[in-house]
PDB file of N, CA and C in Angstrom:
ATOM      1  N   UNK A   1     -16.761 -21.385  83.022  1.00  0.00           N
ATOM      2  CA  UNK A   1     -15.438 -21.490  83.668  1.00  0.00           C
ATOM      3  C   UNK A   1     -14.591 -22.480  82.857  1.00  0.00           C
ATOM      4  N   UNK A   2     -13.414 -22.061  82.426  1.00  0.00           N
ATOM      5  CA  UNK A   2     -12.609 -22.975  81.627  1.00  0.00           C
ATOM      6  C   UNK A   2     -11.681 -23.796  82.518  1.00  0.00           C
ATOM      7  N   UNK A   3     -11.029 -24.778  81.905  1.00  0.00           N
ATOM      8  CA  UNK A   3     -10.206 -25.731  82.659  1.00  0.00           C
ATOM      9  C   UNK A   3      -9.078 -25.047  83.416  1.00  0.00           C
ATOM     10  N   UNK A   4      -8.497 -23.990  82.842  1.00  0.00           N
ATOM     11  CA  UNK A   4      -7.401 -23.299  83.526  1.00  0.00           C
ATOM     12  C   UNK A   4      -7.884 -22.609  84.791  1.00  0.00           C
ATOM     13  N   UNK A   5      -9.068 -22.006  84.720  1.00  0.00           N
ATOM     14  CA  UNK A   5      -9.612 -21.356  85.918  1.00  0.00           C
ATOM     15  C   UNK A   5      -9.873 -22.387  86.997  1.00  0.00           C
ATOM     16  N   UNK A   6     -10.411 -23.529  86.580  1.00  0.00           N
ATOM     17  CA  UNK A   6     -10.693 -24.591  87.561  1.00  0.00           C
ATOM     18  C   UNK A   6      -9.394 -25.066  88.203  1.00  0.00           C
ATOM     19  N   UNK A   7      -8.369 -25.251  87.376  1.00  0.00           N
ATOM     20  CA  UNK A   7      -7.078 -25.713  87.898  1.00  0.00           C
ATOM     21  C   UNK A   7      -6.511 -24.697  88.896  1.00  0.00           C
ATOM     22  N   UNK A   8      -6.605 -23.415  88.548  1.00  0.00           N
ATOM     23  CA  UNK A   8      -6.109 -22.374  89.452  1.00  0.00           C
ATOM     24  C   UNK A   8      -6.855 -22.420  90.776  1.00  0.00           C
ATOM     25  N   UNK A   9      -8.167 -22.625  90.712  1.00  0.00           N
ATOM     26  CA  UNK A   9      -8.984 -22.659  91.922  1.00  0.00           C
ATOM     27  C   UNK A   9      -8.565 -23.839  92.804  1.00  0.00           C
ATOM     28  N   UNK A  10      -8.417 -25.000  92.172  1.00  0.00           N
ATOM     29  CA  UNK A  10      -8.015 -26.197  92.914  1.00  0.00           C
ATOM     30  C   UNK A  10      -6.638 -26.004  93.540  1.00  0.00           C
ATOM     31  N   UNK A  11      -5.694 -25.461  92.757  1.00  0.00           N
ATOM     32  CA  UNK A  11      -4.347 -25.248  93.288  1.00  0.00           C
ATOM     33  C   UNK A  11      -4.383 -24.278  94.471  1.00  0.00           C
ATOM     34  N   UNK A  12      -5.216 -23.274  94.383  1.00  0.00           N
ATOM     35  CA  UNK A  12      -5.342 -22.317  95.481  1.00  0.00           C
ATOM     36  C   UNK A  12      -5.837 -22.994  96.746  1.00  0.00           C
ATOM     37  N   UNK A  13      -6.825 -23.881  96.582  1.00  0.00           N
ATOM     38  CA  UNK A  13      -7.378 -24.599  97.740  1.00  0.00           C
ATOM     39  C   UNK A  13      -6.296 -25.499  98.340  1.00  0.00           C
ATOM     40  N   UNK A  14      -5.576 -26.218  97.465  1.00  0.00           N
ATOM     41  CA  UNK A  14      -4.523 -27.108  97.958  1.00  0.00           C
ATOM     42  C   UNK A  14      -3.441 -26.320  98.685  1.00  0.00           C
ATOM     43  N   UNK A  15      -3.070 -25.164  98.152  1.00  0.00           N
ATOM     44  CA  UNK A  15      -2.038 -24.348  98.804  1.00  0.00           C
ATOM     45  C   UNK A  15      -2.502 -23.913 100.189  1.00  0.00           C
ATOM     46  N   UNK A  16      -3.763 -23.498 100.276  1.00  0.00           N
ATOM     47  CA  UNK A  16      -4.278 -23.052 101.572  1.00  0.00           C
ATOM     48  C   UNK A  16      -4.274 -24.216 102.564  1.00  0.00           C
ATOM     49  N   UNK A  17      -4.689 -25.389 102.091  1.00  0.00           N
ATOM     50  CA  UNK A  17      -4.675 -26.567 102.968  1.00  0.00           C
ATOM     51  C   UNK A  17      -3.257 -26.850 103.450  1.00  0.00           C
ATOM     52  N   UNK A  18      -2.306 -26.748 102.535  1.00  0.00           N
ATOM     53  CA  UNK A  18      -0.914 -27.024 102.889  1.00  0.00           C
ATOM     54  C   UNK A  18      -0.434 -26.032 103.939  1.00  0.00           C
ATOM     55  N   UNK A  19      -0.778 -24.748 103.767  1.00  0.00           N
ATOM     56  CA  UNK A  19      -0.367 -23.736 104.742  1.00  0.00           C
ATOM     57  C   UNK A  19      -1.013 -24.001 106.095  1.00  0.00           C
ATOM     58  N   UNK A  20      -2.302 -24.367 106.079  1.00  0.00           N
ATOM     59  CA  UNK A  20      -2.992 -24.668 107.337  1.00  0.00           C
ATOM     60  C   UNK A  20      -2.325 -25.854 108.025  1.00  0.00           C
ATOM     61  N   UNK A  21      -1.953 -26.859 107.230  1.00  0.00           N
ATOM     62  CA  UNK A  21      -1.318 -28.050 107.792  1.00  0.00           C
ATOM     63  C   UNK A  21       0.022 -27.696 108.415  1.00  0.00           C
ATOM     64  N   UNK A  22       0.813 -26.870 107.713  1.00  0.00           N
ATOM     65  CA  UNK A  22       2.119 -26.471 108.245  1.00  0.00           C
ATOM     66  C   UNK A  22       1.948 -25.676 109.531  1.00  0.00           C
ATOM     67  N   UNK A  23       0.971 -24.781 109.556  1.00  0.00           N
ATOM     68  CA  UNK A  23       0.731 -23.977 110.751  1.00  0.00           C
ATOM     69  C   UNK A  23       0.340 -24.880 111.917  1.00  0.00           C
ATOM     70  N   UNK A  24      -0.526 -25.861 111.637  1.00  0.00           N
ATOM     71  CA  UNK A  24      -0.962 -26.779 112.686  1.00  0.00           C
ATOM     72  C   UNK A  24       0.211 -27.615 113.177  1.00  0.00           C
ATOM     73  N   UNK A  25       1.074 -28.033 112.258  1.00  0.00           N
ATOM     74  CA  UNK A  25       2.238 -28.831 112.642  1.00  0.00           C
ATOM     75  C   UNK A  25       3.168 -28.003 113.518  1.00  0.00           C
ATOM     76  N   UNK A  26       3.305 -26.712 113.176  1.00  0.00           N
ATOM     77  CA  UNK A  26       4.175 -25.834 113.962  1.00  0.00           C
ATOM     78  C   UNK A  26       3.619 -25.689 115.374  1.00  0.00           C
ATOM     79  N   UNK A  27       2.300 -25.497 115.477  1.00  0.00           N
ATOM     80  CA  UNK A  27       1.688 -25.371 116.799  1.00  0.00           C
ATOM     81  C   UNK A  27       1.821 -26.680 117.563  1.00  0.00           C
ATOM     82  N   UNK A  28       1.605 -27.790 116.852  1.00  0.00           N
ATOM     83  CA  UNK A  28       1.682 -29.105 117.489  1.00  0.00           C
ATOM     84  C   UNK A  28       3.071 -29.392 118.013  1.00  0.00           C
ATOM     85  N   UNK A  29       4.103 -28.865 117.332  1.00  0.00           N
ATOM     86  CA  UNK A  29       5.484 -29.132 117.741  1.00  0.00           C
ATOM     87  C   UNK A  29       5.776 -28.502 119.103  1.00  0.00           C
ATOM     88  N   UNK A  30       5.017 -27.470 119.460  1.00  0.00           N
ATOM     89  CA  UNK A  30       5.262 -26.801 120.735  1.00  0.00           C
ATOM     90  C   UNK A  30       4.596 -27.532 121.900  1.00  0.00           C
ATOM     91  N   UNK A  31       3.648 -28.406 121.591  1.00  0.00           N
ATOM     92  CA  UNK A  31       2.969 -29.136 122.653  1.00  0.00           C
ATOM     93  C   UNK A  31       3.791 -30.360 123.043  1.00  0.00           C
ATOM     94  N   UNK A  32       3.711 -30.760 124.309  1.00  0.00           N
ATOM     95  CA  UNK A  32       4.432 -31.980 124.694  1.00  0.00           C
ATOM     96  C   UNK A  32       3.808 -33.171 123.976  1.00  0.00           C
ATOM     97  N   UNK A  33       4.600 -34.155 123.570  1.00  0.00           N
ATOM     98  CA  UNK A  33       4.026 -35.310 122.879  1.00  0.00           C
ATOM     99  C   UNK A  33       3.078 -36.051 123.810  1.00  0.00           C
ATOM    100  N   UNK A  34       1.971 -36.505 123.263  1.00  0.00           N
ATOM    101  CA  UNK A  34       0.995 -37.220 124.088  1.00  0.00           C
ATOM    102  C   UNK A  34       1.540 -38.591 124.443  1.00  0.00           C
ATOM    103  N   UNK A  35       1.299 -38.971 125.665  1.00  0.00           N
ATOM    104  CA  UNK A  35       1.702 -40.312 126.074  1.00  0.00           C
ATOM    105  C   UNK A  35       0.654 -41.288 125.533  1.00  0.00           C
ATOM    106  N   UNK A  36       1.078 -42.345 124.860  1.00  0.00           N
ATOM    107  CA  UNK A  36       0.081 -43.312 124.386  1.00  0.00           C
ATOM    108  C   UNK A  36      -0.564 -43.999 125.578  1.00  0.00           C
ATOM    109  N   UNK A  37      -1.884 -44.011 125.573  1.00  0.00           N
ATOM    110  CA  UNK A  37      -2.593 -44.635 126.690  1.00  0.00           C
ATOM    111  C   UNK A  37      -2.643 -46.139 126.469  1.00  0.00           C
ATOM    112  N   UNK A  38      -2.333 -46.872 127.514  1.00  0.00           N
ATOM    113  CA  UNK A  38      -2.435 -48.323 127.396  1.00  0.00           C
ATOM    114  C   UNK A  38      -3.902 -48.691 127.537  1.00  0.00           C
ATOM    115  N   UNK A  39      -4.365 -49.611 126.725  1.00  0.00           N
ATOM    116  CA  UNK A  39      -5.767 -50.019 126.859  1.00  0.00           C
ATOM    117  C   UNK A  39      -5.986 -50.660 128.219  1.00  0.00           C
ATOM    118  N   UNK A  40      -7.111 -50.324 128.839  1.00  0.00           N
ATOM    119  CA  UNK A  40      -7.386 -50.900 130.157  1.00  0.00           C
ATOM    120  C   UNK A  40      -7.655 -52.385 129.987  1.00  0.00           C
ATOM    121  N   UNK A  41      -6.981 -53.170 130.837  1.00  0.00           N
ATOM    122  CA  UNK A  41      -7.144 -54.623 130.719  1.00  0.00           C
ATOM    123  C   UNK A  41      -8.393 -55.054 131.475  1.00  0.00           C
ATOM    124  N   UNK A  42      -9.206 -55.826 130.796  1.00  0.00           N
ATOM    125  CA  UNK A  42     -10.412 -56.368 131.431  1.00  0.00           C
ATOM    126  C   UNK A  42     -10.022 -57.700 132.071  1.00  0.00           C
ATOM    127  N   UNK A  43     -10.270 -57.813 133.363  1.00  0.00           N
ATOM    128  CA  UNK A  43      -9.946 -59.077 134.029  1.00  0.00           C
ATOM    129  C   UNK A  43     -11.232 -59.825 134.331  1.00  0.00           C
ATOM    130  N   UNK A  44     -11.342 -61.009 133.777  1.00  0.00           N
ATOM    131  CA  UNK A  44     -12.517 -61.849 134.055  1.00  0.00           C
ATOM    132  C   UNK A  44     -12.234 -62.663 135.306  1.00  0.00           C
ATOM    133  N   UNK A  45     -13.186 -62.609 136.232  1.00  0.00           N
ATOM    134  CA  UNK A  45     -12.980 -63.354 137.479  1.00  0.00           C
ATOM    135  C   UNK A  45     -13.736 -64.669 137.398  1.00  0.00           C
TER     136      UNK A  45
END
């Protein structure tokens, strides 16, 4: 396998990751934003 084939393979993987990320971001945009949970306060008596 020569360097150009390797580069093409890597670029293909990166492109797929980018598409998956965009798709996930699109799906995430439709969900209501999560409310940040406040850490439960420990009270020492």
